[in-house]
Amino acid sequence: MTDAGPAPEPARRPGGRNARVRRRILEAAAELIARDGIGGLRYDQVAELAAVNKTSVYRNWPERTTLVADALTAFGGGAAPLHDSGDIDTDLVDFLEAVAAAAASPQGRALFNVVASARENPELRAIVDEVSDQRQATLRRRLHLAVERGELPAIDPTFLGAMLTGPVQLLVSRGSRTFTRADARRVSAIVLAGVRATAADAPVVE
């Protein structure tokens, strides 16, 4: 039997371990921002909670504002997916339920803290706007499609998105009880009924 030599090493996914470390750090940062606010964010606590060396945090995020931005924007994109089942009413109920779950998560609570601190800080304001833009872009695309299919009358999708998500965020931020799927159904039904009833009077913004 000929010697074929040593078996080749299995291919490694580039950045696999580093990606996992970065994810743990971002999750830890979001949890601490939610608990203590931005002013209380300390790198040694981030490292302890993420179970990594503090140098890993500094090496990836030498600036604290960048760490805050990455912790929240990484959460913003996929936190509340909006699917297309062909039924806009059902899809919006699913979406609002996901928005509520995201808002109640450590990252969502952290975002609320950043919003409260962002009025006088342009860098923080940009973080809040980026996370909001990611979510609103997904919602606008689905609403545009619903209008094209005749599921909804023509309407400003940004306005409609605010009408849908505003009550969810208000109820979750109060924290008096869990936002339920029944709540999502009521919010969606009331808003969409109003949109359909007043469609002739509503301004349309592309």
Protein backbone atom coordinates (compact mmCIF):
# COMPACT_ATOMS: atom_id res chain seq x y z
CA MET A 1 0.00 0.00 0.00
CA THR A 2 1.50 3.32 -0.98
CA ASP A 3 1.81 6.08 1.54
CA ALA A 4 -0.47 8.88 0.44
CA GLY A 5 1.07 11.21 2.96
CA PRO A 6 -0.68 13.05 5.77
CA ALA A 7 -4.36 13.76 5.29
CA PRO A 8 -5.05 17.36 4.42
CA GLU A 9 -6.35 19.56 7.23
CA PRO A 10 -10.03 20.38 6.99
CA ALA A 11 -10.68 23.78 5.51
CA ARG A 12 -11.26 26.46 8.09
CA ARG A 13 -13.83 29.12 7.65
CA PRO A 14 -11.96 32.41 7.61
CA GLY A 15 -12.66 34.47 10.68
CA GLY A 16 -14.87 31.82 12.25
CA ARG A 17 -13.53 32.07 15.79
CA ASN A 18 -13.06 35.81 15.60
CA ALA A 19 -16.62 36.22 14.36
CA ARG A 20 -17.90 34.27 17.38
CA VAL A 21 -15.79 36.37 19.74
CA ARG A 22 -17.03 39.59 18.16
CA ARG A 23 -20.64 38.42 18.44
CA ARG A 24 -20.22 37.63 22.15
CA ILE A 25 -18.64 41.04 22.74
CA LEU A 26 -21.43 42.87 20.91
CA GLU A 27 -24.11 40.95 22.82
CA ALA A 28 -22.38 41.70 26.12
CA ALA A 29 -22.04 45.39 25.26
CA ALA A 30 -25.74 45.63 24.41
CA GLU A 31 -26.71 43.93 27.67
CA LEU A 32 -24.57 46.33 29.70
CA ILE A 33 -25.88 49.40 27.84
CA ALA A 34 -29.39 48.19 28.61
CA ARG A 35 -28.53 47.81 32.28
CA ASP A 36 -26.25 50.79 32.93
CA GLY A 37 -26.64 53.14 29.96
CA ILE A 38 -23.80 54.31 27.75
CA GLY A 39 -22.12 56.22 30.55
CA GLY A 40 -21.74 53.03 32.55
CA LEU A 41 -20.26 50.94 29.75
CA ARG A 42 -16.83 49.63 30.85
CA TYR A 43 -14.57 47.48 28.73
CA ASP A 44 -13.53 45.25 31.62
CA GLN A 45 -17.19 44.41 32.31
CA VAL A 46 -17.82 43.76 28.61
CA ALA A 47 -14.86 41.38 28.53
CA GLU A 48 -15.99 39.58 31.70
CA LEU A 49 -19.56 39.14 30.47
CA ALA A 50 -18.39 37.98 27.02
CA ALA A 51 -15.80 35.63 28.60
CA VAL A 52 -12.96 37.11 26.55
CA ASN A 53 -9.74 38.94 27.28
CA LYS A 54 -10.08 42.69 27.62
CA THR A 55 -7.48 43.17 24.89
CA SER A 56 -9.90 41.52 22.44
CA VAL A 57 -12.41 44.26 23.12
CA TYR A 58 -9.85 47.05 22.72
CA ARG A 59 -8.32 45.48 19.61
CA ASN A 60 -11.66 45.32 17.81
CA TRP A 61 -13.17 48.52 19.20
CA PRO A 62 -10.58 51.09 20.32
CA GLU A 63 -13.37 53.71 20.41
CA ARG A 64 -16.33 53.20 22.73
CA THR A 65 -18.76 54.97 20.37
CA THR A 66 -17.88 52.46 17.65
CA LEU A 67 -18.57 49.57 20.03
CA VAL A 68 -21.96 51.05 20.88
CA ALA A 69 -22.75 51.60 17.20
CA ASP A 70 -21.79 48.06 16.19
CA ALA A 71 -23.67 46.48 19.12
CA LEU A 72 -26.88 48.17 18.06
CA THR A 73 -26.62 48.12 14.27
CA ALA A 74 -25.75 44.40 14.30
CA PHE A 75 -29.06 43.93 16.11
CA GLY A 76 -31.10 46.28 13.93
CA GLY A 77 -31.02 44.50 10.59
CA GLY A 78 -32.51 41.11 11.42
CA ALA A 79 -34.23 41.81 14.72
CA ALA A 80 -37.77 42.00 13.31
CA PRO A 81 -38.04 40.28 9.92
CA LEU A 82 -41.07 40.98 7.76
CA HIS A 83 -42.03 38.05 5.58
CA ASP A 84 -44.19 37.95 2.48
CA SER A 85 -46.90 35.29 2.81
CA GLY A 86 -49.18 37.08 0.36
CA ASP A 87 -51.41 38.27 3.23
CA ILE A 88 -50.37 41.71 4.47
CA ASP A 89 -52.61 41.55 7.55
CA THR A 90 -51.01 38.35 8.82
CA ASP A 91 -47.52 39.50 7.88
CA LEU A 92 -47.92 42.72 9.86
CA VAL A 93 -49.17 40.85 12.93
CA ASP A 94 -46.07 38.64 12.76
CA PHE A 95 -43.90 41.73 12.27
CA LEU A 96 -45.35 43.65 15.21
CA GLU A 97 -44.95 40.63 17.47
CA ALA A 98 -41.28 40.41 16.38
CA VAL A 99 -40.82 44.17 16.95
CA ALA A 100 -42.12 43.77 20.50
CA ALA A 101 -39.80 40.84 21.21
CA ALA A 102 -36.85 42.77 19.79
CA ALA A 103 -37.68 45.88 21.82
CA ALA A 104 -37.85 43.80 25.02
CA SER A 105 -34.46 42.16 24.35
CA PRO A 106 -31.20 43.50 25.88
CA GLN A 107 -30.32 45.08 22.53
CA GLY A 108 -33.73 46.71 22.29
CA ARG A 109 -33.52 48.09 25.81
CA ALA A 110 -30.04 49.34 24.99
CA LEU A 111 -31.42 51.14 21.97
CA PHE A 112 -34.00 52.88 24.18
CA ASN A 113 -31.14 54.04 26.42
CA VAL A 114 -29.24 55.38 23.43
CA VAL A 115 -32.32 57.21 22.19
CA ALA A 116 -32.59 58.93 25.56
CA SER A 117 -28.94 60.01 25.34
CA ALA A 118 -28.90 60.95 21.66
CA ARG A 119 -30.51 64.37 21.67
CA GLU A 120 -27.27 66.24 22.32
CA ASN A 121 -24.88 63.77 20.68
CA PRO A 122 -24.73 63.64 16.86
CA GLU A 123 -22.77 60.36 16.89
CA LEU A 124 -25.40 58.62 18.99
CA ARG A 125 -28.18 60.16 16.91
CA ALA A 126 -26.58 58.62 13.83
CA ILE A 127 -26.60 55.20 15.51
CA VAL A 128 -30.29 55.47 16.35
CA ASP A 129 -31.11 56.65 12.84
CA GLU A 130 -29.18 53.78 11.23
CA VAL A 131 -30.96 51.09 13.23
CA SER A 132 -34.32 52.73 12.55
CA ASP A 133 -33.58 53.07 8.84
CA GLN A 134 -32.74 49.37 8.55
CA ARG A 135 -36.08 48.35 10.04
CA GLN A 136 -38.09 50.97 8.18
CA ALA A 137 -36.54 49.99 4.83
CA THR A 138 -37.79 46.41 5.27
CA LEU A 139 -41.25 47.62 6.23
CA ARG A 140 -41.44 50.10 3.35
CA ARG A 141 -40.60 47.43 0.80
CA ARG A 142 -43.36 45.14 2.06
CA LEU A 143 -45.91 47.97 2.19
CA HIS A 144 -45.04 49.09 -1.34
CA LEU A 145 -45.61 45.52 -2.52
CA ALA A 146 -48.96 45.39 -0.70
CA VAL A 147 -50.05 48.59 -2.46
CA GLU A 148 -48.97 47.21 -5.85
CA ARG A 149 -51.04 44.05 -5.23
CA GLY A 150 -54.09 45.98 -4.12
CA GLU A 151 -53.89 44.71 -0.52
CA LEU A 152 -53.63 48.30 0.71
CA PRO A 153 -54.62 51.66 -0.74
CA ALA A 154 -51.82 53.97 -1.82
CA ILE A 155 -50.34 55.60 1.30
CA ASP A 156 -47.12 57.06 2.64
CA PRO A 157 -45.30 53.93 3.90
CA THR A 158 -43.18 55.86 6.38
CA PHE A 159 -46.29 57.31 8.03
CA LEU A 160 -48.00 53.93 8.09
CA GLY A 161 -44.89 52.30 9.57
CA ALA A 162 -44.83 54.85 12.39
CA MET A 163 -48.52 54.29 13.09
CA LEU A 164 -47.95 50.54 13.35
CA THR A 165 -44.75 50.43 15.39
CA GLY A 166 -45.36 53.44 17.65
CA PRO A 167 -47.94 51.75 19.91
CA VAL A 168 -45.77 48.64 20.16
CA GLN A 169 -42.73 50.58 21.31
CA LEU A 170 -44.81 52.61 23.77
CA LEU A 171 -46.36 49.53 25.38
CA VAL A 172 -43.04 47.68 25.58
CA SER A 173 -41.15 50.68 27.00
CA ARG A 174 -43.67 50.97 29.82
CA GLY A 175 -42.89 47.40 30.82
CA SER A 176 -46.15 46.93 32.71
CA ARG A 177 -46.96 43.66 30.90
CA THR A 178 -45.87 41.46 28.02
CA PHE A 179 -46.95 42.53 24.55
CA THR A 180 -48.93 39.60 23.13
CA ARG A 181 -49.95 38.39 19.70
CA ALA A 182 -53.49 39.51 20.51
CA ASP A 183 -52.10 43.01 21.04
CA ALA A 184 -50.34 42.81 17.67
CA ARG A 185 -53.60 41.80 16.01
CA ARG A 186 -55.49 44.69 17.60
CA VAL A 187 -52.87 47.30 16.67
CA SER A 188 -52.63 46.07 13.09
CA ALA A 189 -56.41 45.77 12.65
CA ILE A 190 -57.12 49.25 14.01
CA VAL A 191 -54.39 50.95 11.97
CA LEU A 192 -55.21 49.16 8.72
CA ALA A 193 -58.95 49.77 9.17
CA GLY A 194 -58.25 53.46 9.56
CA VAL A 195 -55.98 53.48 6.51
CA ARG A 196 -58.57 51.75 4.36
CA ALA A 197 -61.41 53.95 5.60
CA THR A 198 -59.56 57.22 4.96
CA ALA A 199 -57.65 56.22 1.83
CA ALA A 200 -59.22 58.93 -0.34
CA ASP A 201 -57.99 61.68 2.00
CA ALA A 202 -54.50 60.33 2.70
CA PRO A 203 -51.46 62.00 1.09
CA VAL A 204 -49.18 59.63 -0.81
CA VAL A 205 -45.42 59.94 -0.60
CA GLU A 206 -43.25 57.71 -2.81
